[in-house]
PDB file of N, CA and C in Angstrom:
ATOM      1  N   MET A   1     -34.909 117.085 -61.317  1.00  0.00           N
ATOM      2  CA  MET A   1     -33.879 116.641 -60.403  1.00  0.00           C
ATOM      3  C   MET A   1     -32.761 117.667 -60.294  1.00  0.00           C
ATOM      4  N   ALA A   2     -32.409 118.277 -61.416  1.00  0.00           N
ATOM      5  CA  ALA A   2     -31.340 119.272 -61.388  1.00  0.00           C
ATOM      6  C   ALA A   2     -31.747 120.498 -60.569  1.00  0.00           C
ATOM      7  N   LYS A   3     -33.025 120.825 -60.615  1.00  0.00           N
ATOM      8  CA  LYS A   3     -33.525 121.960 -59.830  1.00  0.00           C
ATOM      9  C   LYS A   3     -33.367 121.691 -58.333  1.00  0.00           C
ATOM     10  N   GLN A   4     -33.678 120.490 -57.908  1.00  0.00           N
ATOM     11  CA  GLN A   4     -33.566 120.135 -56.497  1.00  0.00           C
ATOM     12  C   GLN A   4     -32.107 120.146 -56.039  1.00  0.00           C
ATOM     13  N   LEU A   5     -31.204 119.630 -56.881  1.00  0.00           N
ATOM     14  CA  LEU A   5     -29.782 119.629 -56.532  1.00  0.00           C
ATOM     15  C   LEU A   5     -29.223 121.048 -56.458  1.00  0.00           C
ATOM     16  N   THR A   6     -29.693 121.911 -57.342  1.00  0.00           N
ATOM     17  CA  THR A   6     -29.258 123.312 -57.308  1.00  0.00           C
ATOM     18  C   THR A   6     -29.729 123.990 -56.029  1.00  0.00           C
ATOM     19  N   ILE A   7     -30.964 123.714 -55.631  1.00  0.00           N
ATOM     20  CA  ILE A   7     -31.493 124.276 -54.388  1.00  0.00           C
ATOM     21  C   ILE A   7     -30.676 123.794 -53.195  1.00  0.00           C
ATOM     22  N   LEU A   8     -30.339 122.508 -53.178  1.00  0.00           N
ATOM     23  CA  LEU A   8     -29.536 121.969 -52.077  1.00  0.00           C
ATOM     24  C   LEU A   8     -28.145 122.608 -52.035  1.00  0.00           C
ATOM     25  N   PHE A   9     -27.518 122.740 -53.197  1.00  0.00           N
ATOM     26  CA  PHE A   9     -26.180 123.320 -53.247  1.00  0.00           C
ATOM     27  C   PHE A   9     -26.171 124.756 -52.750  1.00  0.00           C
ATOM     28  N   TRP A  10     -27.032 125.595 -53.318  1.00  0.00           N
ATOM     29  CA  TRP A  10     -27.040 126.996 -52.918  1.00  0.00           C
ATOM     30  C   TRP A  10     -27.596 127.187 -51.510  1.00  0.00           C
ATOM     31  N   GLY A  11     -28.483 126.309 -51.077  1.00  0.00           N
ATOM     32  CA  GLY A  11     -28.955 126.372 -49.698  1.00  0.00           C
ATOM     33  C   GLY A  11     -27.824 126.132 -48.715  1.00  0.00           C
ATOM     34  N   PHE A  12     -26.963 125.167 -49.027  1.00  0.00           N
ATOM     35  CA  PHE A  12     -25.817 124.896 -48.167  1.00  0.00           C
ATOM     36  C   PHE A  12     -24.859 126.090 -48.140  1.00  0.00           C
ATOM     37  N   ILE A  13     -24.568 126.648 -49.304  1.00  0.00           N
ATOM     38  CA  ILE A  13     -23.655 127.801 -49.381  1.00  0.00           C
ATOM     39  C   ILE A  13     -24.224 128.986 -48.612  1.00  0.00           C
ATOM     40  N   TYR A  14     -25.490 129.313 -48.862  1.00  0.00           N
ATOM     41  CA  TYR A  14     -26.102 130.448 -48.154  1.00  0.00           C
ATOM     42  C   TYR A  14     -26.205 130.189 -46.656  1.00  0.00           C
ATOM     43  N   GLY A  15     -26.452 128.962 -46.262  1.00  0.00           N
ATOM     44  CA  GLY A  15     -26.499 128.631 -44.839  1.00  0.00           C
ATOM     45  C   GLY A  15     -25.166 128.870 -44.153  1.00  0.00           C
ATOM     46  N   GLU A  16     -24.076 128.483 -44.835  1.00  0.00           N
ATOM     47  CA  GLU A  16     -22.740 128.722 -44.285  1.00  0.00           C
ATOM     48  C   GLU A  16     -22.467 130.220 -44.135  1.00  0.00           C
ATOM     49  N   VAL A  17     -22.782 130.980 -45.166  1.00  0.00           N
ATOM     50  CA  VAL A  17     -22.523 132.421 -45.142  1.00  0.00           C
ATOM     51  C   VAL A  17     -23.368 133.110 -44.073  1.00  0.00           C
ATOM     52  N   ILE A  18     -24.641 132.801 -44.023  1.00  0.00           N
ATOM     53  CA  ILE A  18     -25.524 133.423 -43.036  1.00  0.00           C
ATOM     54  C   ILE A  18     -25.125 133.023 -41.624  1.00  0.00           C
ATOM     55  N   GLY A  19     -24.752 131.754 -41.429  1.00  0.00           N
ATOM     56  CA  GLY A  19     -24.299 131.316 -40.109  1.00  0.00           C
ATOM     57  C   GLY A  19     -23.030 132.018 -39.665  1.00  0.00           C
ATOM     58  N   TYR A  20     -22.086 132.177 -40.590  1.00  0.00           N
ATOM     59  CA  TYR A  20     -20.835 132.851 -40.250  1.00  0.00           C
ATOM     60  C   TYR A  20     -21.059 134.326 -39.931  1.00  0.00           C
ATOM     61  N   ILE A  21     -21.842 134.994 -40.749  1.00  0.00           N
ATOM     62  CA  ILE A  21     -22.107 136.420 -40.521  1.00  0.00           C
ATOM     63  C   ILE A  21     -22.879 136.632 -39.227  1.00  0.00           C
ATOM     64  N   SER A  22     -23.878 135.796 -38.955  1.00  0.00           N
ATOM     65  CA  SER A  22     -24.663 135.969 -37.730  1.00  0.00           C
ATOM     66  C   SER A  22     -23.818 135.686 -36.490  1.00  0.00           C
ATOM     67  N   SER A  23     -22.905 134.711 -36.570  1.00  0.00           N
ATOM     68  CA  SER A  23     -22.044 134.453 -35.411  1.00  0.00           C
ATOM     69  C   SER A  23     -21.038 135.587 -35.219  1.00  0.00           C
ATOM     70  N   ALA A  24     -20.563 136.171 -36.309  1.00  0.00           N
ATOM     71  CA  ALA A  24     -19.633 137.296 -36.189  1.00  0.00           C
ATOM     72  C   ALA A  24     -20.336 138.524 -35.614  1.00  0.00           C
ATOM     73  N   LEU A  25     -21.567 138.761 -36.023  1.00  0.00           N
ATOM     74  CA  LEU A  25     -22.296 139.925 -35.517  1.00  0.00           C
ATOM     75  C   LEU A  25     -22.714 139.761 -34.061  1.00  0.00           C
ATOM     76  N   SER A  26     -22.979 138.528 -33.655  1.00  0.00           N
ATOM     77  CA  SER A  26     -23.387 138.320 -32.271  1.00  0.00           C
ATOM     78  C   SER A  26     -22.204 138.111 -31.333  1.00  0.00           C
ATOM     79  N   GLY A  27     -21.013 137.930 -31.891  1.00  0.00           N
ATOM     80  CA  GLY A  27     -19.823 137.768 -31.069  1.00  0.00           C
ATOM     81  C   GLY A  27     -19.636 136.376 -30.515  1.00  0.00           C
ATOM     82  N   THR A  28     -20.288 135.389 -31.110  1.00  0.00           N
ATOM     83  CA  THR A  28     -20.152 134.008 -30.656  1.00  0.00           C
ATOM     84  C   THR A  28     -19.254 133.228 -31.606  1.00  0.00           C
ATOM     85  N   LYS A  29     -18.897 132.016 -31.185  1.00  0.00           N
ATOM     86  CA  LYS A  29     -18.044 131.157 -31.996  1.00  0.00           C
ATOM     87  C   LYS A  29     -18.890 130.435 -33.040  1.00  0.00           C
ATOM     88  N   PHE A  30     -18.392 130.359 -34.261  1.00  0.00           N
ATOM     89  CA  PHE A  30     -19.060 129.631 -35.345  1.00  0.00           C
ATOM     90  C   PHE A  30     -18.717 128.159 -35.165  1.00  0.00           C
ATOM     91  N   SER A  31     -19.497 127.458 -34.336  1.00  0.00           N
ATOM     92  CA  SER A  31     -19.104 126.138 -33.876  1.00  0.00           C
ATOM     93  C   SER A  31     -19.572 124.996 -34.774  1.00  0.00           C
ATOM     94  N   SER A  32     -20.679 125.144 -35.456  1.00  0.00           N
ATOM     95  CA  SER A  32     -21.210 124.017 -36.214  1.00  0.00           C
ATOM     96  C   SER A  32     -21.550 124.431 -37.650  1.00  0.00           C
ATOM     97  N   PRO A  33     -20.556 124.508 -38.520  1.00  0.00           N
ATOM     98  CA  PRO A  33     -20.850 124.900 -39.897  1.00  0.00           C
ATOM     99  C   PRO A  33     -21.673 123.851 -40.648  1.00  0.00           C
ATOM    100  N   LEU A  34     -21.494 122.581 -40.338  1.00  0.00           N
ATOM    101  CA  LEU A  34     -22.262 121.543 -41.009  1.00  0.00           C
ATOM    102  C   LEU A  34     -23.748 121.653 -40.679  1.00  0.00           C
ATOM    103  N   PHE A  35     -24.062 121.929 -39.417  1.00  0.00           N
ATOM    104  CA  PHE A  35     -25.464 122.077 -39.018  1.00  0.00           C
ATOM    105  C   PHE A  35     -26.098 123.275 -39.721  1.00  0.00           C
ATOM    106  N   CYS A  36     -25.384 124.380 -39.804  1.00  0.00           N
ATOM    107  CA  CYS A  36     -25.927 125.572 -40.475  1.00  0.00           C
ATOM    108  C   CYS A  36     -26.232 125.276 -41.938  1.00  0.00           C
ATOM    109  N   GLY A  37     -25.318 124.596 -42.609  1.00  0.00           N
ATOM    110  CA  GLY A  37     -25.530 124.274 -44.013  1.00  0.00           C
ATOM    111  C   GLY A  37     -26.669 123.305 -44.228  1.00  0.00           C
ATOM    112  N   LEU A  38     -26.728 122.255 -43.426  1.00  0.00           N
ATOM    113  CA  LEU A  38     -27.791 121.261 -43.580  1.00  0.00           C
ATOM    114  C   LEU A  38     -29.165 121.829 -43.241  1.00  0.00           C
ATOM    115  N   PHE A  39     -29.207 122.659 -42.212  1.00  0.00           N
ATOM    116  CA  PHE A  39     -30.479 123.285 -41.838  1.00  0.00           C
ATOM    117  C   PHE A  39     -30.986 124.183 -42.961  1.00  0.00           C
ATOM    118  N   ALA A  40     -30.091 124.960 -43.563  1.00  0.00           N
ATOM    119  CA  ALA A  40     -30.494 125.831 -44.668  1.00  0.00           C
ATOM    120  C   ALA A  40     -30.917 125.018 -45.888  1.00  0.00           C
ATOM    121  N   MET A  41     -30.277 123.877 -46.121  1.00  0.00           N
ATOM    122  CA  MET A  41     -30.677 123.013 -47.233  1.00  0.00           C
ATOM    123  C   MET A  41     -32.102 122.496 -47.036  1.00  0.00           C
ATOM    124  N   ILE A  42     -32.414 122.058 -45.835  1.00  0.00           N
ATOM    125  CA  ILE A  42     -33.745 121.517 -45.552  1.00  0.00           C
ATOM    126  C   ILE A  42     -34.802 122.606 -45.665  1.00  0.00           C
ATOM    127  N   VAL A  43     -34.513 123.766 -45.098  1.00  0.00           N
ATOM    128  CA  VAL A  43     -35.464 124.878 -45.170  1.00  0.00           C
ATOM    129  C   VAL A  43     -35.665 125.310 -46.617  1.00  0.00           C
ATOM    130  N   GLY A  44     -34.602 125.367 -47.395  1.00  0.00           N
ATOM    131  CA  GLY A  44     -34.717 125.759 -48.799  1.00  0.00           C
ATOM    132  C   GLY A  44     -35.565 124.801 -49.604  1.00  0.00           C
ATOM    133  N   ILE A  45     -35.351 123.507 -49.416  1.00  0.00           N
ATOM    134  CA  ILE A  45     -36.144 122.498 -50.145  1.00  0.00           C
ATOM    135  C   ILE A  45     -37.614 122.601 -49.767  1.00  0.00           C
ATOM    136  N   VAL A  46     -37.893 122.735 -48.485  1.00  0.00           N
ATOM    137  CA  VAL A  46     -39.285 122.818 -48.039  1.00  0.00           C
ATOM    138  C   VAL A  46     -39.958 124.077 -48.578  1.00  0.00           C
ATOM    139  N   LEU A  47     -39.274 125.208 -48.508  1.00  0.00           N
ATOM    140  CA  LEU A  47     -39.876 126.458 -48.975  1.00  0.00           C
ATOM    141  C   LEU A  47     -40.117 126.461 -50.479  1.00  0.00           C
ATOM    142  N   VAL A  48     -39.154 126.026 -51.250  1.00  0.00           N
ATOM    143  CA  VAL A  48     -39.316 126.046 -52.704  1.00  0.00           C
ATOM    144  C   VAL A  48     -40.386 125.058 -53.150  1.00  0.00           C
ATOM    145  N   ASN A  49     -40.416 123.876 -52.552  1.00  0.00           N
ATOM    146  CA  ASN A  49     -41.439 122.908 -52.935  1.00  0.00           C
ATOM    147  C   ASN A  49     -42.831 123.341 -52.503  1.00  0.00           C
ATOM    148  N   SER A  50     -42.952 123.965 -51.340  1.00  0.00           N
ATOM    149  CA  SER A  50     -44.267 124.454 -50.925  1.00  0.00           C
ATOM    150  C   SER A  50     -44.699 125.641 -51.778  1.00  0.00           C
ATOM    151  N   LEU A  51     -43.748 126.471 -52.177  1.00  0.00           N
ATOM    152  CA  LEU A  51     -44.086 127.589 -53.057  1.00  0.00           C
ATOM    153  C   LEU A  51     -44.539 127.075 -54.420  1.00  0.00           C
ATOM    154  N   ASN A  52     -43.896 126.063 -54.942  1.00  0.00           N
ATOM    155  CA  ASN A  52     -44.314 125.463 -56.220  1.00  0.00           C
ATOM    156  C   ASN A  52     -45.685 124.808 -56.094  1.00  0.00           C
ATOM    157  N   TYR A  53     -46.018 124.307 -54.942  1.00  0.00           N
ATOM    158  CA  TYR A  53     -47.334 123.695 -54.744  1.00  0.00           C
ATOM    159  C   TYR A  53     -48.442 124.740 -54.755  1.00  0.00           C
ATOM    160  N   PHE A  54     -48.207 125.884 -54.118  1.00  0.00           N
ATOM    161  CA  PHE A  54     -49.249 126.894 -53.991  1.00  0.00           C
ATOM    162  C   PHE A  54     -49.328 127.828 -55.201  1.00  0.00           C
ATOM    163  N   VAL A  55     -48.224 128.047 -55.876  1.00  0.00           N
ATOM    164  CA  VAL A  55     -48.207 128.952 -57.017  1.00  0.00           C
ATOM    165  C   VAL A  55     -48.111 128.107 -58.272  1.00  0.00           C
ATOM    166  N   LYS A  56     -49.205 127.967 -58.953  1.00  0.00           N
ATOM    167  CA  LYS A  56     -49.249 127.186 -60.183  1.00  0.00           C
ATOM    168  C   LYS A  56     -49.292 128.146 -61.373  1.00  0.00           C
ATOM    169  N   SER A  57     -48.726 127.728 -62.487  1.00  0.00           N
ATOM    170  CA  SER A  57     -48.820 128.529 -63.688  1.00  0.00           C
ATOM    171  C   SER A  57     -50.236 128.429 -64.236  1.00  0.00           C
ATOM    172  N   PRO A  58     -50.769 129.516 -64.752  1.00  0.00           N
ATOM    173  CA  PRO A  58     -52.158 129.481 -65.245  1.00  0.00           C
ATOM    174  C   PRO A  58     -52.281 128.601 -66.490  1.00  0.00           C
ATOM    175  N   THR A  59     -53.371 127.887 -66.548  1.00  0.00           N
ATOM    176  CA  THR A  59     -53.635 127.037 -67.712  1.00  0.00           C
ATOM    177  C   THR A  59     -54.571 127.772 -68.652  1.00  0.00           C
ATOM    178  N   LYS A  60     -54.328 127.595 -69.918  1.00  0.00           N
ATOM    179  CA  LYS A  60     -55.171 128.301 -70.904  1.00  0.00           C
ATOM    180  C   LYS A  60     -56.227 127.388 -71.460  1.00  0.00           C
TER     181      LYS A  60
END
């Protein structure tokens, strides 16, 4: 559970930073910071969980 909460927290932070930087580089207004954070949280959870599904530790 702590792993999932950590992914959500850092996904939100990275989403905000990436959204702000991309809007600054493109010259547009950073209009929806909540959407950027939530979208990054969802993508992060999906990617990490799918990666854990496909990459298993070897059993001896």
